[in-house]
Amino acid sequence: MREALRVRMFGGFSAAYGGEVLAFGGQKDPKFKQLFQILMTRPGREFSKREVMGSLYDCEAVEDANASLNNTIFRLRKYLRKSPLPPGEYLVLKDGMLRFDGGIAMESDAWALECAGQELEKERDREKRGELCRKICELYRGELLPRLSNELWVIEKSKEYKEIYFNALDILFSYLKEEDDYKNMECLAAHACEIYPCEGWESWRIESLLVLGCREEAERVYRETAERAQEIGGFLSREQQERFHKVGARICYPEGTAEEIGKCLMEPEAEEGAYGCTLPGFSDCFRMLKRVTARRGPICFSLLLCTILDAGGRPVQDRKACEKQGEKLCMSFKKYLRRGDIYAKYSENQYLLLCTGAERGNFSDIGLRLDMDFRKRCGGRGGISCRLLDEGRAW
């Protein structure tokens, strides 16, 4: 294998030459290291000093950005002289243009992905397009420089690379499906779901698992995806939702005995208090009750909306606070609601309750008991509001 400067920036950062690592000193993320990373997005290509200054200092109060950049260039040159790289003048600055080019072979995953994406746009041959998509998916091992995810230049470049990756996935999944190559489809989808959970790639994975006969694994992925969707308050576009539900509809069991079917439908461990479920499951229960009401007359139930409030009586907006308080609210549901009641998370700060056997005159008492218990669990801070949405009338 030829010796080359090999730089990885997707899913983390590493740089090495001839098996020796470029460590960039003991500082966490010095500016001269960021300068190196910027130049490695297009090794050997020119960057204007203005472009580099905008990337390095745009959000900082720097009095003289040009002087700061010159100092950063000096520090990077100084480091490179001590690095494992062979002697050479790697930072070439001429007429306000800067590039990294020391006469050695250079490999950058970010630049390789960008080049492959450009080739993919021009390529029309089906086989070659498939190979380019595979190359892109192999290169993309995660978000660009995750430790610098708050840097503006990283955010902008990450968006570009993500679009290239997503486009390659869409093309490659369709290609693999035509080839009946569901094994590779499942591997690609699993990797995509690991990097970007709740972006819709789960549907491709579930579909491939079903075709491969891995029904239990497909069901597990489907269930976990639905639960995650509830936790983060929705994630799929309308098109992705339709695909997800169509794939979910294909999940079924082999022919079973009455005992096996009953075991499948029962709760694994029956718990006291209300039954917590996903929003799709809650929706199915509510719709069924409405249908029965329309057919056989009023059935006594109440649909309540429960909103988490802050100390000022306003809906809580902070996501982390909602997550912690939501867990406590679910504990209140299990303590004060009956086993015949169900609940589901609707949004970050809202929960739906379906209380069977509860008439309109009872729902205020339910809300009061829940609010009191919730306040105790939160140390007296905040509270909840309960609003009646439906009292069991037919549509």
Protein backbone atom coordinates (compact mmCIF):
# COMPACT_ATOMS: atom_id res chain seq x y z
CA MET A 1 0.00 0.00 0.00
CA ARG A 2 1.40 3.39 -0.98
CA GLU A 3 2.13 5.86 1.74
CA ALA A 4 -0.38 8.69 1.76
CA LEU A 5 -1.91 11.23 4.06
CA ARG A 6 -5.23 9.61 4.91
CA VAL A 7 -7.86 11.79 6.54
CA ARG A 8 -11.22 10.62 7.88
CA MET A 9 -13.86 13.17 8.90
CA PHE A 10 -17.16 11.27 8.77
CA GLY A 11 -18.25 9.94 12.16
CA GLY A 12 -15.10 11.26 13.83
CA PHE A 13 -11.69 12.58 12.88
CA SER A 14 -8.37 10.91 12.22
CA ALA A 15 -5.34 11.73 10.12
CA ALA A 16 -2.35 9.47 9.54
CA TYR A 17 0.67 9.09 7.29
CA GLY A 18 2.52 5.83 6.88
CA GLY A 19 0.77 4.36 9.90
CA GLU A 20 1.70 7.29 12.15
CA VAL A 21 -1.06 9.48 13.57
CA LEU A 22 -1.19 13.27 13.31
CA ALA A 23 -2.27 14.21 16.86
CA PHE A 24 -2.36 18.04 16.55
CA GLY A 25 -1.09 18.67 20.07
CA GLY A 26 -2.81 18.27 23.38
CA GLN A 27 -5.45 20.99 22.94
CA LYS A 28 -9.05 19.90 22.44
CA ASP A 29 -9.72 21.49 19.04
CA PRO A 30 -7.16 24.22 18.25
CA LYS A 31 -7.83 26.59 15.36
CA PHE A 32 -4.85 25.30 13.37
CA LYS A 33 -6.43 21.83 13.50
CA GLN A 34 -9.70 23.26 12.17
CA LEU A 35 -7.76 24.99 9.39
CA PHE A 36 -6.25 21.62 8.44
CA GLN A 37 -9.73 20.04 8.45
CA ILE A 38 -11.16 22.79 6.24
CA LEU A 39 -8.34 22.34 3.72
CA MET A 40 -8.86 18.56 3.78
CA THR A 41 -12.44 18.92 2.55
CA ARG A 42 -10.76 19.67 -0.82
CA PRO A 43 -7.08 18.65 -0.54
CA GLY A 44 -4.90 20.23 -3.19
CA ARG A 45 -7.63 22.72 -4.13
CA GLU A 46 -7.48 26.45 -3.52
CA PHE A 47 -9.44 28.33 -0.86
CA SER A 48 -9.62 32.11 -0.70
CA LYS A 49 -8.40 33.63 2.56
CA ARG A 50 -11.76 35.36 2.85
CA GLU A 51 -13.55 31.99 2.65
CA VAL A 52 -11.29 30.45 5.29
CA MET A 53 -11.62 33.47 7.60
CA GLY A 54 -15.41 33.25 7.31
CA SER A 55 -15.29 29.60 8.33
CA LEU A 56 -12.88 30.00 11.23
CA TYR A 57 -13.95 33.31 12.75
CA ASP A 58 -17.43 34.18 11.45
CA CYS A 59 -19.19 33.80 14.80
CA GLU A 60 -16.37 35.13 16.96
CA ALA A 61 -15.41 38.64 18.02
CA VAL A 62 -12.06 38.82 16.18
CA GLU A 63 -10.73 42.33 15.63
CA ASP A 64 -8.35 41.42 12.79
CA ALA A 65 -9.41 38.19 11.09
CA ASN A 66 -6.61 38.40 8.52
CA ALA A 67 -3.93 38.64 11.23
CA SER A 68 -5.58 35.82 13.17
CA LEU A 69 -5.59 33.61 10.07
CA ASN A 70 -1.94 34.38 9.34
CA ASN A 71 -1.11 33.35 12.90
CA THR A 72 -3.15 30.15 12.52
CA ILE A 73 -1.32 29.34 9.26
CA PHE A 74 2.02 29.89 11.04
CA ARG A 75 1.00 27.54 13.87
CA LEU A 76 -0.15 24.84 11.43
CA ARG A 77 3.13 25.09 9.49
CA LYS A 78 5.04 24.77 12.75
CA TYR A 79 3.07 21.67 13.72
CA LEU A 80 3.45 20.04 10.30
CA ARG A 81 7.25 20.34 10.51
CA LYS A 82 7.15 18.18 13.66
CA SER A 83 4.44 15.82 12.36
CA PRO A 84 4.99 12.37 10.78
CA LEU A 85 4.73 13.97 7.31
CA PRO A 86 7.93 14.07 5.23
CA PRO A 87 9.66 17.47 5.06
CA GLY A 88 7.93 19.90 2.74
CA GLU A 89 6.08 23.17 2.32
CA TYR A 90 2.48 22.00 2.64
CA LEU A 91 0.65 25.29 3.01
CA VAL A 92 0.87 27.20 -0.24
CA LEU A 93 -0.30 30.82 0.00
CA LYS A 94 -0.30 32.94 -3.15
CA ASP A 95 -2.37 35.96 -4.24
CA GLY A 96 -4.78 35.56 -1.37
CA MET A 97 -5.38 31.86 -2.16
CA LEU A 98 -4.45 29.02 0.20
CA ARG A 99 -4.12 25.32 -0.51
CA PHE A 100 -2.66 22.19 1.10
CA ASP A 101 -0.28 20.58 -1.37
CA GLY A 102 3.04 19.10 -0.33
CA GLY A 103 3.71 16.75 -3.21
CA ILE A 104 2.44 13.67 -1.34
CA ALA A 105 -0.56 11.44 -2.01
CA MET A 106 -3.64 12.58 -0.09
CA GLU A 107 -6.91 10.78 0.60
CA SER A 108 -9.88 12.52 2.23
CA ASP A 109 -13.20 10.75 2.74
CA ALA A 110 -15.07 14.07 2.52
CA TRP A 111 -13.46 15.01 -0.80
CA ALA A 112 -13.88 11.47 -2.18
CA LEU A 113 -17.59 11.58 -1.32
CA GLU A 114 -18.04 15.02 -2.90
CA CYS A 115 -16.31 13.86 -6.09
CA ALA A 116 -18.41 10.69 -6.23
CA GLY A 117 -21.55 12.80 -5.79
CA GLN A 118 -20.54 15.02 -8.71
CA GLU A 119 -19.86 11.96 -10.89
CA LEU A 120 -23.24 10.50 -9.92
CA GLU A 121 -25.04 13.60 -11.19
CA LYS A 122 -23.42 13.21 -14.62
CA GLU A 123 -23.42 9.42 -14.92
CA ARG A 124 -26.25 7.78 -16.89
CA ASP A 125 -25.07 4.15 -17.00
CA ARG A 126 -27.11 2.10 -14.55
CA GLU A 127 -24.26 -0.17 -13.37
CA LYS A 128 -21.82 2.71 -12.90
CA ARG A 129 -24.43 4.70 -10.98
CA GLY A 130 -24.89 1.74 -8.66
CA GLU A 131 -21.13 1.51 -8.04
CA LEU A 132 -20.91 5.24 -7.29
CA CYS A 133 -23.78 4.94 -4.82
CA ARG A 134 -22.06 2.03 -3.09
CA LYS A 135 -18.86 4.06 -2.83
CA ILE A 136 -20.73 7.00 -1.29
CA CYS A 137 -22.46 4.76 1.27
CA GLU A 138 -19.13 3.13 2.22
CA LEU A 139 -17.48 6.52 2.70
CA TYR A 140 -20.28 8.03 4.78
CA ARG A 141 -19.75 6.61 8.27
CA GLY A 142 -21.54 9.35 10.19
CA GLU A 143 -21.97 13.11 10.48
CA LEU A 144 -19.04 15.30 9.51
CA LEU A 145 -16.71 16.04 12.46
CA PRO A 146 -19.27 15.43 15.23
CA ARG A 147 -17.08 17.16 17.84
CA LEU A 148 -17.39 20.38 15.82
CA SER A 149 -21.12 20.07 15.14
CA ASN A 150 -21.77 23.61 16.42
CA GLU A 151 -19.32 25.25 14.02
CA LEU A 152 -21.13 27.04 11.20
CA TRP A 153 -18.83 25.77 8.45
CA VAL A 154 -19.30 22.19 9.68
CA ILE A 155 -23.09 22.61 9.76
CA GLU A 156 -23.10 23.89 6.16
CA LYS A 157 -20.79 21.16 4.84
CA SER A 158 -22.68 18.48 6.78
CA LYS A 159 -25.89 19.46 5.02
CA GLU A 160 -24.22 19.09 1.61
CA TYR A 161 -22.74 15.68 2.41
CA LYS A 162 -25.98 14.43 3.96
CA GLU A 163 -27.89 15.29 0.77
CA ILE A 164 -25.34 13.38 -1.32
CA TYR A 165 -25.63 10.37 1.01
CA PHE A 166 -29.43 10.40 1.08
CA ASN A 167 -29.62 10.69 -2.70
CA ALA A 168 -27.25 7.73 -3.08
CA LEU A 169 -29.33 5.67 -0.64
CA ASP A 170 -32.56 6.35 -2.53
CA ILE A 171 -30.98 5.31 -5.83
CA LEU A 172 -29.22 2.28 -4.39
CA PHE A 173 -32.26 0.93 -2.53
CA SER A 174 -34.32 1.04 -5.73
CA TYR A 175 -31.45 -0.59 -7.62
CA LEU A 176 -31.02 -3.39 -5.06
CA LYS A 177 -34.77 -4.03 -4.98
CA GLU A 178 -34.79 -4.52 -8.74
CA GLU A 179 -31.90 -6.97 -8.31
CA ASP A 180 -33.67 -8.78 -5.42
CA ASP A 181 -30.56 -8.12 -3.32
CA TYR A 182 -32.37 -7.73 -0.01
CA LYS A 183 -29.41 -8.85 2.07
CA ASN A 184 -27.30 -5.85 1.06
CA MET A 185 -30.40 -3.64 1.29
CA GLU A 186 -30.86 -4.66 4.92
CA CYS A 187 -27.20 -3.96 5.75
CA LEU A 188 -27.32 -0.53 4.12
CA ALA A 189 -30.62 0.35 5.79
CA ALA A 190 -29.37 -0.79 9.21
CA HIS A 191 -26.31 1.45 8.83
CA ALA A 192 -28.46 4.40 7.71
CA CYS A 193 -30.84 3.91 10.67
CA GLU A 194 -27.89 3.83 13.06
CA ILE A 195 -26.59 7.18 11.75
CA TYR A 196 -29.98 8.80 11.21
CA PRO A 197 -32.70 7.14 13.32
CA CYS A 198 -36.20 8.36 12.53
CA GLU A 199 -35.38 9.62 9.04
CA GLY A 200 -37.52 7.01 7.27
CA TRP A 201 -34.85 4.41 6.41
CA GLU A 202 -36.47 1.97 8.84
CA SER A 203 -39.12 1.15 6.23
CA TRP A 204 -36.46 -0.16 3.82
CA ARG A 205 -34.95 -2.27 6.57
CA ILE A 206 -38.29 -3.73 7.61
CA GLU A 207 -39.17 -4.54 4.01
CA SER A 208 -35.86 -6.32 3.40
CA LEU A 209 -36.14 -8.28 6.67
CA LEU A 210 -39.62 -9.48 5.72
CA VAL A 211 -38.45 -10.68 2.31
CA LEU A 212 -35.49 -12.44 3.96
CA GLY A 213 -37.89 -14.24 6.30
CA CYS A 214 -36.74 -12.46 9.46
CA ARG A 215 -40.26 -11.67 10.63
CA GLU A 216 -39.48 -11.34 14.35
CA GLU A 217 -36.60 -8.95 13.67
CA ALA A 218 -38.80 -6.92 11.31
CA GLU A 219 -41.50 -6.70 13.97
CA ARG A 220 -38.94 -5.58 16.57
CA VAL A 221 -37.63 -2.81 14.28
CA TYR A 222 -41.18 -1.71 13.47
CA ARG A 223 -42.16 -1.58 17.15
CA GLU A 224 -39.01 0.27 18.22
CA THR A 225 -39.44 2.79 15.39
CA ALA A 226 -43.03 3.49 16.38
CA GLU A 227 -42.02 3.93 20.02
CA ARG A 228 -39.16 6.25 19.07
CA ALA A 229 -41.51 8.30 16.91
CA GLN A 230 -43.75 8.78 19.94
CA GLU A 231 -40.80 9.79 22.13
CA ILE A 232 -39.55 12.52 19.79
CA GLY A 233 -42.96 13.77 18.73
CA GLY A 234 -43.07 12.67 15.10
CA PHE A 235 -40.35 12.47 12.47
CA LEU A 236 -41.64 11.15 9.13
CA SER A 237 -42.96 13.08 6.16
CA ARG A 238 -46.42 12.12 4.88
CA GLU A 239 -44.85 10.05 2.10
CA GLN A 240 -42.57 8.25 4.55
CA GLN A 241 -45.49 7.60 6.93
CA GLU A 242 -47.50 5.98 4.13
CA ARG A 243 -44.58 3.76 3.19
CA PHE A 244 -43.92 2.87 6.83
CA HIS A 245 -47.54 1.84 7.46
CA LYS A 246 -47.71 -0.16 4.19
CA VAL A 247 -44.61 -2.08 5.18
CA GLY A 248 -45.95 -2.55 8.73
CA ALA A 249 -49.15 -4.00 7.31
CA ARG A 250 -47.09 -6.81 5.79
CA ILE A 251 -45.84 -7.97 9.20
CA CYS A 252 -47.76 -11.11 10.10
CA TYR A 253 -47.23 -14.40 11.88
CA PRO A 254 -47.20 -17.91 10.44
CA GLU A 255 -50.32 -19.99 10.95
CA GLY A 256 -50.73 -20.58 14.67
CA THR A 257 -52.87 -22.44 17.16
CA ALA A 258 -55.48 -20.71 19.33
CA GLU A 259 -53.05 -20.89 22.25
CA GLU A 260 -50.21 -19.30 20.23
CA ILE A 261 -52.45 -16.52 18.97
CA GLY A 262 -53.74 -15.77 22.47
CA LYS A 263 -50.19 -15.65 23.81
CA CYS A 264 -49.18 -13.27 21.04
CA LEU A 265 -52.01 -10.84 21.84
CA MET A 266 -51.62 -10.78 25.61
CA GLU A 267 -49.39 -8.34 27.47
CA PRO A 268 -46.00 -9.89 28.31
CA GLU A 269 -46.30 -8.61 31.89
CA ALA A 270 -49.61 -7.25 33.10
CA GLU A 271 -49.03 -4.04 35.06
CA GLU A 272 -51.29 -2.04 37.33
CA GLY A 273 -52.70 1.28 36.20
CA ALA A 274 -53.30 2.67 32.73
CA TYR A 275 -51.87 1.03 29.62
CA GLY A 276 -49.22 3.07 27.81
CA CYS A 277 -49.02 2.64 24.05
CA THR A 278 -47.76 4.34 20.90
CA LEU A 279 -49.76 7.08 19.23
CA PRO A 280 -50.76 4.84 16.27
CA GLY A 281 -52.00 2.19 18.74
CA PHE A 282 -53.89 4.82 20.72
CA SER A 283 -55.46 6.15 17.53
CA ASP A 284 -56.67 2.66 16.57
CA CYS A 285 -58.27 2.18 20.00
CA PHE A 286 -60.05 5.53 19.86
CA ARG A 287 -61.36 4.96 16.33
CA MET A 288 -62.67 1.54 17.29
CA LEU A 289 -64.55 2.99 20.26
CA LYS A 290 -66.09 5.65 18.03
CA ARG A 291 -67.22 3.01 15.54
CA VAL A 292 -68.80 0.90 18.27
CA THR A 293 -70.52 4.01 19.66
CA ALA A 294 -71.99 4.80 16.24
CA ARG A 295 -73.32 1.25 15.89
CA ARG A 296 -74.61 0.38 19.35
CA GLY A 297 -75.22 3.71 21.02
CA PRO A 298 -73.17 5.77 23.48
CA ILE A 299 -70.34 4.03 25.26
CA CYS A 300 -69.11 5.81 28.34
CA PHE A 301 -65.59 7.11 27.72
CA SER A 302 -63.68 10.38 27.73
CA LEU A 303 -60.80 11.55 25.57
CA LEU A 304 -58.61 13.99 27.51
CA LEU A 305 -55.66 16.12 26.48
CA CYS A 306 -53.09 16.52 29.26
CA THR A 307 -50.54 19.35 28.88
CA ILE A 308 -47.42 19.78 31.04
CA LEU A 309 -47.14 23.32 32.47
CA ASP A 310 -44.27 25.34 33.90
CA ALA A 311 -44.34 27.32 37.18
CA GLY A 312 -46.04 30.21 35.35
CA GLY A 313 -48.88 28.03 34.07
CA ARG A 314 -47.59 27.97 30.48
CA PRO A 315 -46.90 24.83 28.42
CA VAL A 316 -43.31 23.69 28.98
CA GLN A 317 -41.14 24.23 25.89
CA ASP A 318 -37.75 22.92 26.99
CA ARG A 319 -37.30 19.49 25.45
CA LYS A 320 -35.17 17.99 28.23
CA ALA A 321 -37.57 19.26 30.88
CA CYS A 322 -40.50 17.76 28.95
CA GLU A 323 -38.73 14.42 28.78
CA LYS A 324 -38.08 14.26 32.53
CA GLN A 325 -41.52 15.55 33.51
CA GLY A 326 -43.18 13.27 30.97
CA GLU A 327 -41.70 10.24 32.74
CA LYS A 328 -43.15 11.46 36.04
CA LEU A 329 -46.53 12.13 34.45
CA CYS A 330 -46.64 8.57 33.11
CA MET A 331 -46.03 7.36 36.68
CA SER A 332 -49.07 9.40 37.77
CA PHE A 333 -51.13 7.78 34.98
CA LYS A 334 -50.20 4.34 36.23
CA LYS A 335 -51.07 5.25 39.80
CA TYR A 336 -54.40 7.09 39.36
CA LEU A 337 -55.87 5.66 36.14
CA ARG A 338 -57.44 2.23 35.87
CA ARG A 339 -56.14 -0.76 33.91
CA GLY A 340 -58.92 -0.21 31.35
CA ASP A 341 -57.59 3.29 30.51
CA ILE A 342 -54.85 4.01 27.98
CA TYR A 343 -52.49 6.89 27.34
CA ALA A 344 -50.01 7.96 24.65
CA LYS A 345 -47.59 10.80 24.05
CA TYR A 346 -48.88 13.21 21.41
CA SER A 347 -46.16 15.88 21.41
CA GLU A 348 -43.24 16.97 23.57
CA ASN A 349 -45.53 18.42 26.27
CA GLN A 350 -48.90 16.78 25.52
CA TYR A 351 -50.38 13.38 26.37
CA LEU A 352 -53.70 11.84 25.36
CA LEU A 353 -55.82 9.87 27.84
CA LEU A 354 -58.67 7.56 26.91
CA CYS A 355 -60.65 6.86 30.05
CA THR A 356 -63.31 4.21 29.60
CA GLY A 357 -66.33 4.39 31.93
CA ALA A 358 -65.60 8.04 32.70
CA GLU A 359 -68.47 10.47 32.18
CA ARG A 360 -68.18 14.20 31.55
CA GLY A 361 -68.78 15.02 35.20
CA ASN A 362 -65.83 12.88 36.31
CA PHE A 363 -63.06 14.17 34.12
CA SER A 364 -62.34 17.25 36.30
CA ASP A 365 -61.76 14.95 39.30
CA ILE A 366 -59.41 12.82 37.19
CA GLY A 367 -57.47 15.90 36.16
CA LEU A 368 -57.26 17.18 39.73
CA ARG A 369 -55.90 13.90 41.10
CA LEU A 370 -53.33 13.64 38.32
CA ASP A 371 -52.25 17.26 38.81
CA MET A 372 -51.77 16.83 42.56
CA ASP A 373 -49.73 13.64 42.18
CA PHE A 374 -47.67 15.12 39.36
CA ARG A 375 -46.84 18.24 41.41
CA LYS A 376 -45.63 16.06 44.27
CA ARG A 377 -43.35 14.13 41.92
CA CYS A 378 -41.98 17.42 40.55
CA GLY A 379 -41.39 18.96 43.97
CA GLY A 380 -44.30 21.39 43.67
CA ARG A 381 -43.01 22.97 40.45
CA GLY A 382 -45.27 23.24 37.43
CA GLY A 383 -48.37 21.17 36.94
CA ILE A 384 -50.70 19.91 34.24
CA SER A 385 -53.92 21.00 32.59
CA CYS A 386 -56.56 18.53 31.43
CA ARG A 387 -59.00 19.36 28.65
CA LEU A 388 -61.93 17.24 27.48
CA LEU A 389 -61.72 16.56 23.74
CA ASP A 390 -64.42 13.94 23.30
CA GLU A 391 -67.08 12.45 25.57
CA GLY A 392 -67.99 9.38 23.58
CA ARG A 393 -70.41 10.81 21.07
CA ALA A 394 -70.80 9.21 17.66
CA TRP A 395 -69.23 10.97 14.70
